[in-house]
Amino acid sequence: MHSFFRAYWMLLVLSAVTSLLAGCIVAAVAVGAGAGVGTYAYVNGKLTDDIPATPERVVAATNQAFADLHMAVISSASSAVDGKVIARTAEDKRIKVHVASSSSSTVSHISIRVGTWGDKDISIRVLEAIKGHLGLTAPSTAS
C-alpha cells in the first residue's frame, strides 16, 4: 500500500511540473512570435538579434565597436554569407560574435557569447555599440 501512495505522489508532482513547463513553452513561443527585426533575445548565455545589414557590414561595425570598447580583436573574418569576430576583454573574457545572412540578403542574424556561460550586460553593450556603428542607434560615448 505504501508504494501505491508513493507512486501516486510522484505522478502528481510529475504532472504538476509538466503543466508548469508547458505553460512556459507556450509563453515563450507567444513572445517569440511577436519578435521582429531589432528585438534581441538572450537565451542560454547567448544574445541574438536580426540586423538590417549584410554580414560584411556587421563584421566591420563589430570591429569598430570592439575598438571603441577597448577590447582586443583576436580574429575577424567575413564573407557575403557569414562572418565571425573573436575578441577579449581586459579580464581575458572571450567574446565571440557570429554573423550569418538570413533568407533576405539585407538582414543578418547575429549572436554574441561572452565566455563559456555568457554575460548579458557585456553582450548588450557590444550589440548596442555594433548597432551604433551601423547607424541603427545613437553610439554610446561611455567607455
N, C-alpha and C. Protein backbone atom coordinates (compact mmCIF):
# COMPACT_ATOMS: atom_id res chain seq x y z
N MET A 1 0.82 -1.19 0.00
CA MET A 1 0.00 0.00 0.00
C MET A 1 0.87 1.26 0.00
N HIS A 2 2.01 1.19 0.74
CA HIS A 2 2.91 2.34 0.83
C HIS A 2 3.45 2.71 -0.56
N SER A 3 3.81 1.72 -1.37
CA SER A 3 4.35 2.01 -2.71
C SER A 3 3.28 2.63 -3.61
N PHE A 4 2.02 2.29 -3.40
CA PHE A 4 0.94 2.89 -4.18
C PHE A 4 0.87 4.40 -3.94
N PHE A 5 0.94 4.82 -2.66
CA PHE A 5 0.88 6.25 -2.34
C PHE A 5 2.12 6.98 -2.85
N ARG A 6 3.27 6.34 -2.74
CA ARG A 6 4.50 6.95 -3.25
C ARG A 6 4.38 7.17 -4.76
N ALA A 7 3.92 6.16 -5.49
CA ALA A 7 3.75 6.28 -6.94
C ALA A 7 2.71 7.35 -7.27
N TYR A 8 1.64 7.40 -6.49
CA TYR A 8 0.59 8.40 -6.70
C TYR A 8 1.16 9.81 -6.56
N TRP A 9 1.93 10.06 -5.50
CA TRP A 9 2.51 11.38 -5.28
C TRP A 9 3.53 11.74 -6.35
N MET A 10 4.32 10.77 -6.76
CA MET A 10 5.30 11.03 -7.82
C MET A 10 4.59 11.41 -9.11
N LEU A 11 3.51 10.70 -9.43
CA LEU A 11 2.74 11.01 -10.62
C LEU A 11 2.11 12.40 -10.53
N LEU A 12 1.61 12.74 -9.36
CA LEU A 12 1.01 14.05 -9.14
C LEU A 12 2.04 15.17 -9.31
N VAL A 13 3.21 15.00 -8.72
CA VAL A 13 4.28 16.00 -8.84
C VAL A 13 4.74 16.11 -10.29
N LEU A 14 4.93 14.99 -10.95
CA LEU A 14 5.36 14.99 -12.34
C LEU A 14 4.35 15.70 -13.23
N SER A 15 3.07 15.45 -13.03
CA SER A 15 2.06 16.12 -13.86
C SER A 15 2.01 17.61 -13.57
N ALA A 16 2.23 18.01 -12.32
CA ALA A 16 2.24 19.44 -11.99
C ALA A 16 3.42 20.13 -12.66
N VAL A 17 4.59 19.52 -12.60
CA VAL A 17 5.78 20.10 -13.22
C VAL A 17 5.59 20.18 -14.74
N THR A 18 5.06 19.14 -15.33
CA THR A 18 4.82 19.14 -16.77
C THR A 18 3.85 20.25 -17.17
N SER A 19 2.83 20.45 -16.38
CA SER A 19 1.87 21.52 -16.66
C SER A 19 2.53 22.88 -16.60
N LEU A 20 3.38 23.08 -15.61
CA LEU A 20 4.08 24.37 -15.47
C LEU A 20 5.02 24.61 -16.64
N LEU A 21 5.76 23.59 -17.04
CA LEU A 21 6.69 23.74 -18.15
C LEU A 21 5.96 23.98 -19.45
N ALA A 22 4.86 23.34 -19.65
CA ALA A 22 4.08 23.54 -20.88
C ALA A 22 3.63 24.99 -20.98
N GLY A 23 3.25 25.58 -19.88
CA GLY A 23 2.84 26.98 -19.88
C GLY A 23 3.98 27.90 -20.23
N CYS A 24 5.19 27.59 -19.76
CA CYS A 24 6.36 28.40 -20.08
C CYS A 24 6.69 28.32 -21.56
N ILE A 25 6.59 27.13 -22.12
CA ILE A 25 6.89 26.98 -23.53
C ILE A 25 5.90 27.76 -24.37
N VAL A 26 4.63 27.71 -24.03
CA VAL A 26 3.61 28.46 -24.77
C VAL A 26 3.89 29.96 -24.66
N ALA A 27 4.25 30.42 -23.47
CA ALA A 27 4.55 31.85 -23.29
C ALA A 27 5.76 32.25 -24.11
N ALA A 28 6.79 31.41 -24.14
CA ALA A 28 8.00 31.73 -24.90
C ALA A 28 7.69 31.79 -26.39
N VAL A 29 6.88 30.87 -26.88
CA VAL A 29 6.50 30.88 -28.29
C VAL A 29 5.69 32.13 -28.61
N ALA A 30 4.78 32.50 -27.73
CA ALA A 30 3.95 33.69 -27.96
C ALA A 30 4.82 34.94 -28.00
N VAL A 31 5.79 35.05 -27.10
CA VAL A 31 6.68 36.21 -27.09
C VAL A 31 7.53 36.21 -28.35
N GLY A 32 8.07 35.05 -28.72
CA GLY A 32 8.92 34.95 -29.90
C GLY A 32 8.18 35.26 -31.18
N ALA A 33 6.91 34.96 -31.25
CA ALA A 33 6.14 35.21 -32.46
C ALA A 33 6.01 36.69 -32.74
N GLY A 34 6.01 37.52 -31.69
CA GLY A 34 5.89 38.95 -31.88
C GLY A 34 7.22 39.64 -32.11
N ALA A 35 8.30 38.90 -32.01
CA ALA A 35 9.63 39.49 -32.15
C ALA A 35 9.90 39.78 -33.62
N GLY A 36 10.53 40.89 -33.88
CA GLY A 36 10.87 41.24 -35.25
C GLY A 36 12.29 41.73 -35.32
N VAL A 37 12.65 42.34 -36.42
CA VAL A 37 13.98 42.88 -36.58
C VAL A 37 14.23 43.92 -35.49
N GLY A 38 15.36 43.81 -34.81
CA GLY A 38 15.70 44.77 -33.79
C GLY A 38 15.32 44.34 -32.39
N THR A 39 14.70 43.18 -32.24
CA THR A 39 14.34 42.69 -30.93
C THR A 39 15.29 41.56 -30.58
N TYR A 40 16.15 41.78 -29.59
CA TYR A 40 17.13 40.75 -29.26
C TYR A 40 16.54 39.75 -28.28
N ALA A 41 17.18 38.59 -28.24
CA ALA A 41 16.82 37.55 -27.28
C ALA A 41 18.09 37.09 -26.58
N TYR A 42 18.01 36.84 -25.28
CA TYR A 42 19.14 36.31 -24.52
C TYR A 42 18.71 34.97 -23.95
N VAL A 43 19.27 33.90 -24.52
CA VAL A 43 18.89 32.54 -24.14
C VAL A 43 20.16 31.71 -23.96
N ASN A 44 20.24 31.02 -22.84
CA ASN A 44 21.37 30.12 -22.56
C ASN A 44 22.72 30.79 -22.74
N GLY A 45 22.84 32.03 -22.31
CA GLY A 45 24.12 32.73 -22.36
C GLY A 45 24.47 33.35 -23.68
N LYS A 46 23.56 33.29 -24.65
CA LYS A 46 23.83 33.84 -25.98
C LYS A 46 22.80 34.91 -26.32
N LEU A 47 23.28 36.07 -26.76
CA LEU A 47 22.41 37.16 -27.20
C LEU A 47 22.27 37.05 -28.71
N THR A 48 21.05 37.07 -29.22
CA THR A 48 20.82 37.01 -30.66
C THR A 48 19.93 38.15 -31.11
N ASP A 49 20.10 38.54 -32.35
CA ASP A 49 19.31 39.62 -32.92
C ASP A 49 19.38 39.53 -34.43
N ASP A 50 18.45 40.17 -35.11
CA ASP A 50 18.48 40.32 -36.55
C ASP A 50 18.75 41.78 -36.85
N ILE A 51 19.73 42.01 -37.72
CA ILE A 51 20.18 43.37 -38.01
C ILE A 51 20.05 43.63 -39.51
N PRO A 52 19.46 44.76 -39.88
CA PRO A 52 19.29 45.08 -41.31
C PRO A 52 20.60 45.56 -41.95
N ALA A 53 21.52 44.61 -42.16
CA ALA A 53 22.80 44.91 -42.80
C ALA A 53 23.41 43.60 -43.27
N THR A 54 24.31 43.67 -44.22
CA THR A 54 24.98 42.47 -44.71
C THR A 54 25.99 41.98 -43.67
N PRO A 55 26.37 40.70 -43.72
CA PRO A 55 27.37 40.21 -42.77
C PRO A 55 28.68 40.99 -42.82
N GLU A 56 29.09 41.40 -44.00
CA GLU A 56 30.34 42.15 -44.13
C GLU A 56 30.27 43.49 -43.39
N ARG A 57 29.12 44.18 -43.51
CA ARG A 57 28.94 45.45 -42.79
C ARG A 57 28.87 45.22 -41.28
N VAL A 58 28.21 44.14 -40.86
CA VAL A 58 28.09 43.86 -39.43
C VAL A 58 29.46 43.53 -38.84
N VAL A 59 30.28 42.77 -39.55
CA VAL A 59 31.62 42.45 -39.06
C VAL A 59 32.47 43.73 -38.97
N ALA A 60 32.38 44.60 -39.96
CA ALA A 60 33.14 45.86 -39.91
C ALA A 60 32.69 46.70 -38.71
N ALA A 61 31.38 46.76 -38.48
CA ALA A 61 30.85 47.52 -37.34
C ALA A 61 31.27 46.87 -36.02
N THR A 62 31.36 45.55 -36.00
CA THR A 62 31.79 44.83 -34.79
C THR A 62 33.23 45.17 -34.45
N ASN A 63 34.08 45.21 -35.46
CA ASN A 63 35.49 45.59 -35.22
C ASN A 63 35.59 47.01 -34.67
N GLN A 64 34.80 47.92 -35.21
CA GLN A 64 34.80 49.30 -34.71
C GLN A 64 34.26 49.35 -33.28
N ALA A 65 33.23 48.56 -33.00
CA ALA A 65 32.64 48.54 -31.66
C ALA A 65 33.66 48.04 -30.63
N PHE A 66 34.38 46.97 -30.97
CA PHE A 66 35.40 46.46 -30.05
C PHE A 66 36.51 47.47 -29.82
N ALA A 67 36.88 48.21 -30.86
CA ALA A 67 37.90 49.26 -30.69
C ALA A 67 37.38 50.34 -29.74
N ASP A 68 36.12 50.74 -29.90
CA ASP A 68 35.53 51.74 -29.01
C ASP A 68 35.49 51.27 -27.56
N LEU A 69 35.24 49.97 -27.38
CA LEU A 69 35.13 49.40 -26.04
C LEU A 69 36.48 48.95 -25.48
N HIS A 70 37.56 49.25 -26.21
CA HIS A 70 38.93 48.90 -25.79
C HIS A 70 39.08 47.41 -25.54
N MET A 71 38.53 46.62 -26.47
CA MET A 71 38.65 45.17 -26.40
C MET A 71 39.54 44.72 -27.55
N ALA A 72 40.42 43.76 -27.29
CA ALA A 72 41.39 43.30 -28.28
C ALA A 72 40.74 42.30 -29.24
N VAL A 73 40.77 42.61 -30.53
CA VAL A 73 40.25 41.69 -31.54
C VAL A 73 41.32 40.63 -31.80
N ILE A 74 40.95 39.38 -31.61
CA ILE A 74 41.87 38.25 -31.81
C ILE A 74 41.81 37.77 -33.25
N SER A 75 40.59 37.66 -33.79
CA SER A 75 40.43 37.26 -35.18
C SER A 75 39.15 37.88 -35.73
N SER A 76 39.16 38.08 -37.04
CA SER A 76 38.00 38.67 -37.71
C SER A 76 37.98 38.19 -39.15
N ALA A 77 36.82 37.69 -39.58
CA ALA A 77 36.67 37.24 -40.97
C ALA A 77 35.23 37.45 -41.39
N SER A 78 35.04 37.75 -42.68
CA SER A 78 33.67 37.90 -43.18
C SER A 78 33.61 37.54 -44.65
N SER A 79 32.41 37.20 -45.07
CA SER A 79 32.13 36.93 -46.47
C SER A 79 30.74 37.49 -46.75
N ALA A 80 30.25 37.26 -47.93
CA ALA A 80 28.91 37.75 -48.28
C ALA A 80 27.82 36.99 -47.53
N VAL A 81 28.14 35.81 -46.99
CA VAL A 81 27.11 34.99 -46.33
C VAL A 81 27.28 34.84 -44.83
N ASP A 82 28.48 35.10 -44.31
CA ASP A 82 28.67 34.96 -42.86
C ASP A 82 29.91 35.69 -42.40
N GLY A 83 30.12 35.67 -41.09
CA GLY A 83 31.30 36.30 -40.52
C GLY A 83 31.47 35.93 -39.07
N LYS A 84 32.68 36.16 -38.55
CA LYS A 84 32.96 35.84 -37.15
C LYS A 84 34.05 36.77 -36.66
N VAL A 85 33.84 37.29 -35.44
CA VAL A 85 34.85 38.12 -34.78
C VAL A 85 35.02 37.58 -33.38
N ILE A 86 36.28 37.41 -32.98
CA ILE A 86 36.58 36.97 -31.62
C ILE A 86 37.44 38.05 -30.98
N ALA A 87 37.04 38.46 -29.77
CA ALA A 87 37.78 39.50 -29.05
C ALA A 87 37.93 39.08 -27.59
N ARG A 88 38.74 39.81 -26.86
CA ARG A 88 38.94 39.55 -25.43
C ARG A 88 38.87 40.86 -24.66
N THR A 89 38.28 40.75 -23.46
CA THR A 89 38.20 41.91 -22.57
C THR A 89 39.51 42.04 -21.81
N ALA A 90 39.64 43.09 -21.03
CA ALA A 90 40.83 43.28 -20.21
C ALA A 90 40.98 42.16 -19.18
N GLU A 91 39.85 41.56 -18.77
CA GLU A 91 39.90 40.44 -17.83
C GLU A 91 40.01 39.10 -18.56
N ASP A 92 40.33 39.14 -19.85
CA ASP A 92 40.55 37.97 -20.69
C ASP A 92 39.30 37.14 -20.91
N LYS A 93 38.12 37.77 -20.86
CA LYS A 93 36.89 37.07 -21.21
C LYS A 93 36.80 37.04 -22.73
N ARG A 94 36.53 35.86 -23.27
CA ARG A 94 36.42 35.69 -24.72
C ARG A 94 35.02 36.10 -25.17
N ILE A 95 34.97 36.93 -26.20
CA ILE A 95 33.69 37.35 -26.79
C ILE A 95 33.68 36.88 -28.24
N LYS A 96 32.68 36.07 -28.57
CA LYS A 96 32.56 35.57 -29.94
C LYS A 96 31.28 36.13 -30.56
N VAL A 97 31.45 36.79 -31.69
CA VAL A 97 30.32 37.33 -32.44
C VAL A 97 30.25 36.56 -33.75
N HIS A 98 29.12 35.92 -33.98
CA HIS A 98 28.90 35.17 -35.21
C HIS A 98 27.78 35.86 -35.99
N VAL A 99 28.00 36.02 -37.29
CA VAL A 99 27.02 36.69 -38.15
C VAL A 99 26.70 35.77 -39.33
N ALA A 100 25.42 35.64 -39.64
CA ALA A 100 25.00 34.84 -40.80
C ALA A 100 23.89 35.58 -41.54
N SER A 101 23.95 35.53 -42.86
CA SER A 101 22.89 36.17 -43.63
C SER A 101 21.62 35.34 -43.50
N SER A 102 20.49 36.03 -43.55
CA SER A 102 19.20 35.34 -43.49
C SER A 102 18.71 35.13 -44.92
N SER A 103 17.48 34.69 -45.04
CA SER A 103 16.92 34.49 -46.38
C SER A 103 16.85 35.82 -47.15
N SER A 104 16.73 36.92 -46.40
CA SER A 104 16.79 38.24 -47.02
C SER A 104 18.25 38.66 -47.11
N SER A 105 18.68 39.12 -48.25
CA SER A 105 20.09 39.48 -48.41
C SER A 105 20.46 40.76 -47.66
N THR A 106 19.46 41.45 -47.11
CA THR A 106 19.75 42.69 -46.40
C THR A 106 19.63 42.57 -44.88
N VAL A 107 19.35 41.37 -44.37
CA VAL A 107 19.23 41.16 -42.93
C VAL A 107 20.19 40.06 -42.50
N SER A 108 20.92 40.32 -41.42
CA SER A 108 21.86 39.33 -40.87
C SER A 108 21.43 38.94 -39.48
N HIS A 109 21.64 37.67 -39.16
CA HIS A 109 21.39 37.16 -37.82
C HIS A 109 22.72 37.22 -37.07
N ILE A 110 22.72 37.84 -35.90
CA ILE A 110 23.95 37.98 -35.11
C ILE A 110 23.77 37.27 -33.78
N SER A 111 24.83 36.61 -33.32
CA SER A 111 24.82 36.01 -31.99
C SER A 111 26.11 36.42 -31.28
N ILE A 112 25.96 36.73 -29.99
CA ILE A 112 27.09 37.18 -29.17
C ILE A 112 27.14 36.33 -27.92
N ARG A 113 28.31 35.74 -27.65
CA ARG A 113 28.50 34.98 -26.42
C ARG A 113 29.78 35.46 -25.75
N VAL A 114 29.65 35.73 -24.45
CA VAL A 114 30.80 36.15 -23.65
C VAL A 114 31.18 34.99 -22.75
N GLY A 115 32.42 34.52 -22.90
CA GLY A 115 32.89 33.42 -22.08
C GLY A 115 32.12 32.14 -22.35
N THR A 116 32.18 31.22 -21.41
CA THR A 116 31.50 29.94 -21.56
C THR A 116 30.03 30.04 -21.24
N TRP A 117 29.70 30.77 -20.20
CA TRP A 117 28.31 30.81 -19.71
C TRP A 117 27.55 32.04 -20.15
N GLY A 118 28.23 33.03 -20.71
CA GLY A 118 27.56 34.23 -21.17
C GLY A 118 27.57 35.33 -20.13
N ASP A 119 27.43 36.55 -20.58
CA ASP A 119 27.34 37.74 -19.73
C ASP A 119 26.39 38.69 -20.45
N LYS A 120 25.17 38.78 -19.95
CA LYS A 120 24.14 39.56 -20.63
C LYS A 120 24.51 41.03 -20.75
N ASP A 121 25.04 41.62 -19.69
CA ASP A 121 25.35 43.05 -19.72
C ASP A 121 26.40 43.38 -20.77
N ILE A 122 27.48 42.60 -20.81
CA ILE A 122 28.52 42.85 -21.81
C ILE A 122 27.97 42.59 -23.21
N SER A 123 27.19 41.54 -23.37
CA SER A 123 26.62 41.22 -24.68
C SER A 123 25.75 42.36 -25.20
N ILE A 124 24.91 42.91 -24.34
CA ILE A 124 24.04 44.02 -24.74
C ILE A 124 24.88 45.25 -25.10
N ARG A 125 25.90 45.50 -24.31
CA ARG A 125 26.76 46.66 -24.59
C ARG A 125 27.45 46.53 -25.94
N VAL A 126 27.93 45.32 -26.25
CA VAL A 126 28.57 45.08 -27.55
C VAL A 126 27.54 45.25 -28.68
N LEU A 127 26.34 44.68 -28.51
CA LEU A 127 25.30 44.79 -29.53
C LEU A 127 24.93 46.25 -29.78
N GLU A 128 24.77 47.02 -28.72
CA GLU A 128 24.43 48.44 -28.88
C GLU A 128 25.53 49.20 -29.61
N ALA A 129 26.79 48.87 -29.31
CA ALA A 129 27.90 49.53 -30.00
C ALA A 129 27.93 49.16 -31.48
N ILE A 130 27.66 47.90 -31.80
CA ILE A 130 27.61 47.46 -33.19
C ILE A 130 26.50 48.21 -33.92
N LYS A 131 25.32 48.25 -33.32
CA LYS A 131 24.19 48.96 -33.95
C LYS A 131 24.51 50.44 -34.12
N GLY A 132 25.21 51.02 -33.17
CA GLY A 132 25.59 52.42 -33.28
C GLY A 132 26.45 52.67 -34.51
N HIS A 133 27.38 51.77 -34.79
CA HIS A 133 28.24 51.93 -35.96
C HIS A 133 27.51 51.66 -37.27
N LEU A 134 26.37 51.01 -37.19
CA LEU A 134 25.56 50.78 -38.39
C LEU A 134 24.49 51.87 -38.56
N GLY A 135 24.50 52.84 -37.63
CA GLY A 135 23.52 53.93 -37.70
C GLY A 135 22.12 53.51 -37.26
N LEU A 136 22.01 52.42 -36.51
CA LEU A 136 20.70 51.94 -36.07
C LEU A 136 20.29 52.51 -34.72
N THR A 137 21.26 52.95 -33.94
CA THR A 137 21.01 53.63 -32.65
C THR A 137 22.11 54.65 -32.48
N ALA A 138 21.91 55.55 -31.54
CA ALA A 138 22.96 56.52 -31.25
C ALA A 138 24.13 55.80 -30.59
N PRO A 139 25.37 55.97 -31.10
CA PRO A 139 26.51 55.31 -30.47
C PRO A 139 26.71 55.80 -29.05
N SER A 140 27.12 54.90 -28.19
CA SER A 140 27.38 55.25 -26.79
C SER A 140 28.72 55.94 -26.69
N THR A 141 28.77 56.99 -25.87
CA THR A 141 30.04 57.71 -25.69
C THR A 141 30.79 57.20 -24.46
N ALA A 142 30.12 56.35 -23.66
CA ALA A 142 30.78 55.80 -22.46
C ALA A 142 31.78 54.76 -22.87
N SER A 143 32.89 54.68 -22.12
CA SER A 143 33.90 53.66 -22.44
C SER A 143 34.27 52.86 -21.24
